[in-house]
Amino acid sequence: MASVGPGVREVRLHVEGERRVFYVARFEEAVYVLHAFEKRTRKTTPRDLELGRERFRTLMTMRRKKDGSQAQR
């Protein structure tokens, strides 16, 4: 899901309808789930994509702040 952010992947579940999970697994310490939702149409809604992007940006900001505070120690 490069449209959400670099390194973001999507899991597609076909159980009683369609479900999707956006996640990032490129960091050593954790897999970060950005958004999980149920799809009701063939296309992913702009709202779901934007929510994934927003959470990706927040994650990256938090990581930069954390890395900066550890470097100052």
N, C-alpha and C. Protein backbone atom coordinates (compact mmCIF):
# COMPACT_ATOMS: atom_id res chain seq x y z
N MET A 1 0.83 -1.19 0.00
CA MET A 1 0.00 0.00 0.00
C MET A 1 0.88 1.25 0.00
N ALA A 2 1.64 1.41 -1.03
CA ALA A 2 2.51 2.58 -1.15
C ALA A 2 1.71 3.88 -1.12
N SER A 3 0.44 3.81 -1.47
CA SER A 3 -0.39 5.02 -1.43
C SER A 3 -0.66 5.48 0.01
N VAL A 4 -0.46 4.60 0.98
CA VAL A 4 -0.62 4.96 2.40
C VAL A 4 0.72 5.42 2.96
N GLY A 5 1.80 4.71 2.63
CA GLY A 5 3.13 5.08 3.10
C GLY A 5 4.15 4.04 2.71
N PRO A 6 5.43 4.42 2.66
CA PRO A 6 6.47 3.45 2.30
C PRO A 6 6.55 2.31 3.31
N GLY A 7 6.55 1.10 2.81
CA GLY A 7 6.64 -0.07 3.69
C GLY A 7 5.31 -0.54 4.24
N VAL A 8 4.23 0.15 3.93
CA VAL A 8 2.90 -0.26 4.43
C VAL A 8 2.40 -1.41 3.57
N ARG A 9 1.91 -2.43 4.22
CA ARG A 9 1.36 -3.61 3.56
C ARG A 9 -0.11 -3.75 3.91
N GLU A 10 -0.79 -4.62 3.17
CA GLU A 10 -2.22 -4.85 3.39
C GLU A 10 -2.47 -6.34 3.52
N VAL A 11 -3.28 -6.71 4.49
CA VAL A 11 -3.76 -8.09 4.62
C VAL A 11 -5.21 -8.07 4.18
N ARG A 12 -5.56 -9.02 3.35
CA ARG A 12 -6.94 -9.13 2.87
C ARG A 12 -7.56 -10.40 3.46
N LEU A 13 -8.65 -10.26 4.15
CA LEU A 13 -9.35 -11.40 4.75
C LEU A 13 -10.69 -11.57 4.06
N HIS A 14 -10.96 -12.76 3.60
CA HIS A 14 -12.21 -13.07 2.91
C HIS A 14 -13.06 -13.97 3.80
N VAL A 15 -13.57 -13.41 4.89
CA VAL A 15 -14.37 -14.16 5.85
C VAL A 15 -15.63 -13.35 6.12
N GLU A 16 -16.77 -13.93 5.78
CA GLU A 16 -18.05 -13.23 5.98
C GLU A 16 -17.96 -11.79 5.49
N GLY A 17 -17.55 -11.62 4.25
CA GLY A 17 -17.35 -10.30 3.69
C GLY A 17 -15.86 -10.04 3.52
N GLU A 18 -15.53 -8.82 3.24
CA GLU A 18 -14.13 -8.44 3.01
C GLU A 18 -13.64 -7.57 4.15
N ARG A 19 -12.48 -7.92 4.66
CA ARG A 19 -11.84 -7.12 5.70
C ARG A 19 -10.42 -6.83 5.26
N ARG A 20 -9.92 -5.68 5.67
CA ARG A 20 -8.57 -5.26 5.32
C ARG A 20 -7.84 -4.76 6.56
N VAL A 21 -6.53 -4.93 6.56
CA VAL A 21 -5.68 -4.42 7.63
C VAL A 21 -4.47 -3.78 6.96
N PHE A 22 -4.20 -2.51 7.29
CA PHE A 22 -2.96 -1.85 6.85
C PHE A 22 -1.98 -1.97 8.00
N TYR A 23 -0.74 -2.37 7.70
CA TYR A 23 0.26 -2.52 8.75
C TYR A 23 1.66 -2.18 8.24
N VAL A 24 2.56 -1.91 9.17
CA VAL A 24 3.96 -1.68 8.86
C VAL A 24 4.77 -2.68 9.68
N ALA A 25 5.61 -3.46 9.00
CA ALA A 25 6.42 -4.47 9.69
C ALA A 25 7.90 -4.30 9.40
N ARG A 26 8.31 -3.08 9.13
CA ARG A 26 9.71 -2.88 8.77
C ARG A 26 10.59 -2.48 9.94
N PHE A 27 10.02 -2.40 11.11
CA PHE A 27 10.78 -2.01 12.29
C PHE A 27 11.05 -3.24 13.15
N GLU A 28 12.22 -3.26 13.73
CA GLU A 28 12.70 -4.40 14.50
C GLU A 28 11.83 -4.70 15.72
N GLU A 29 11.32 -3.67 16.38
CA GLU A 29 10.67 -3.85 17.67
C GLU A 29 9.19 -4.23 17.61
N ALA A 30 8.52 -4.02 16.46
CA ALA A 30 7.08 -4.26 16.46
C ALA A 30 6.51 -4.27 15.05
N VAL A 31 5.32 -4.83 14.93
CA VAL A 31 4.48 -4.68 13.76
C VAL A 31 3.40 -3.69 14.17
N TYR A 32 3.27 -2.62 13.42
CA TYR A 32 2.31 -1.57 13.75
C TYR A 32 1.08 -1.69 12.85
N VAL A 33 -0.08 -1.90 13.45
CA VAL A 33 -1.33 -1.94 12.71
C VAL A 33 -1.84 -0.50 12.62
N LEU A 34 -2.00 -0.02 11.40
CA LEU A 34 -2.42 1.36 11.18
C LEU A 34 -3.93 1.48 11.10
N HIS A 35 -4.58 0.50 10.49
CA HIS A 35 -6.03 0.60 10.30
C HIS A 35 -6.58 -0.77 9.94
N ALA A 36 -7.70 -1.14 10.50
CA ALA A 36 -8.42 -2.36 10.16
C ALA A 36 -9.86 -1.97 9.89
N PHE A 37 -10.42 -2.50 8.82
CA PHE A 37 -11.78 -2.08 8.44
C PHE A 37 -12.44 -3.14 7.58
N GLU A 38 -13.75 -3.00 7.45
CA GLU A 38 -14.55 -3.88 6.60
C GLU A 38 -14.86 -3.15 5.31
N LYS A 39 -14.60 -3.82 4.21
CA LYS A 39 -14.91 -3.21 2.90
C LYS A 39 -16.31 -3.62 2.47
N ARG A 40 -17.01 -2.65 1.94
CA ARG A 40 -18.36 -2.94 1.45
C ARG A 40 -18.46 -2.73 -0.06
N THR A 41 -17.40 -2.18 -0.64
CA THR A 41 -17.36 -1.97 -2.09
C THR A 41 -16.03 -2.53 -2.61
N ARG A 42 -15.88 -2.55 -3.92
CA ARG A 42 -14.64 -3.06 -4.52
C ARG A 42 -13.46 -2.13 -4.26
N LYS A 43 -13.73 -0.85 -4.17
CA LYS A 43 -12.67 0.13 -4.02
C LYS A 43 -12.50 0.52 -2.56
N THR A 44 -11.25 0.75 -2.14
CA THR A 44 -10.99 1.23 -0.79
C THR A 44 -11.40 2.70 -0.74
N THR A 45 -12.17 3.06 0.27
CA THR A 45 -12.69 4.43 0.33
C THR A 45 -11.57 5.43 0.61
N PRO A 46 -11.73 6.64 0.11
CA PRO A 46 -10.75 7.69 0.41
C PRO A 46 -10.59 7.91 1.92
N ARG A 47 -11.65 7.77 2.68
CA ARG A 47 -11.60 7.94 4.14
C ARG A 47 -10.66 6.92 4.76
N ASP A 48 -10.76 5.64 4.33
CA ASP A 48 -9.91 4.59 4.88
C ASP A 48 -8.45 4.82 4.50
N LEU A 49 -8.20 5.23 3.26
CA LEU A 49 -6.83 5.51 2.82
C LEU A 49 -6.25 6.68 3.62
N GLU A 50 -7.02 7.74 3.79
CA GLU A 50 -6.52 8.91 4.51
C GLU A 50 -6.27 8.59 5.98
N LEU A 51 -7.13 7.79 6.58
CA LEU A 51 -6.93 7.38 7.97
C LEU A 51 -5.63 6.58 8.11
N GLY A 52 -5.36 5.69 7.17
CA GLY A 52 -4.11 4.94 7.17
C GLY A 52 -2.91 5.87 7.03
N ARG A 53 -3.00 6.85 6.10
CA ARG A 53 -1.91 7.83 5.91
C ARG A 53 -1.66 8.65 7.16
N GLU A 54 -2.75 9.11 7.77
CA GLU A 54 -2.63 9.93 8.98
C GLU A 54 -1.95 9.14 10.10
N ARG A 55 -2.34 7.91 10.27
CA ARG A 55 -1.74 7.09 11.33
C ARG A 55 -0.29 6.76 11.01
N PHE A 56 0.04 6.58 9.73
CA PHE A 56 1.42 6.34 9.34
C PHE A 56 2.27 7.58 9.67
N ARG A 57 1.78 8.77 9.31
CA ARG A 57 2.50 10.00 9.63
C ARG A 57 2.70 10.16 11.13
N THR A 58 1.67 9.87 11.90
CA THR A 58 1.77 9.95 13.36
C THR A 58 2.81 8.99 13.89
N LEU A 59 2.81 7.75 13.39
CA LEU A 59 3.79 6.76 13.80
C LEU A 59 5.20 7.24 13.50
N MET A 60 5.42 7.75 12.30
CA MET A 60 6.76 8.19 11.92
C MET A 60 7.20 9.39 12.76
N THR A 61 6.30 10.30 13.07
CA THR A 61 6.62 11.45 13.93
C THR A 61 7.00 10.97 15.32
N MET A 62 6.23 10.04 15.88
CA MET A 62 6.53 9.51 17.21
C MET A 62 7.89 8.82 17.22
N ARG A 63 8.21 8.06 16.18
CA ARG A 63 9.50 7.37 16.11
C ARG A 63 10.65 8.36 16.03
N ARG A 64 10.48 9.43 15.24
CA ARG A 64 11.54 10.44 15.14
C ARG A 64 11.77 11.13 16.47
N LYS A 65 10.68 11.46 17.17
CA LYS A 65 10.80 12.11 18.48
C LYS A 65 11.50 11.18 19.47
N LYS A 66 11.12 9.91 19.46
CA LYS A 66 11.72 8.92 20.36
C LYS A 66 13.21 8.77 20.06
N ASP A 67 13.56 8.66 18.79
CA ASP A 67 14.96 8.51 18.40
C ASP A 67 15.76 9.76 18.79
N GLY A 68 15.17 10.92 18.66
CA GLY A 68 15.83 12.16 19.03
C GLY A 68 16.08 12.27 20.51
N SER A 69 15.11 11.84 21.33
CA SER A 69 15.26 11.92 22.78
C SER A 69 16.28 10.90 23.27
N GLN A 70 16.39 9.74 22.62
CA GLN A 70 17.39 8.75 23.01
C GLN A 70 18.79 9.20 22.61
N ALA A 71 18.90 9.93 21.51
CA ALA A 71 20.21 10.39 21.06
C ALA A 71 20.77 11.46 21.99
N GLN A 72 19.89 12.17 22.70
CA GLN A 72 20.32 13.24 23.58
C GLN A 72 20.83 12.71 24.93
N ARG A 73 20.59 11.46 25.24
CA ARG A 73 21.01 10.90 26.53
C ARG A 73 22.49 10.71 26.63
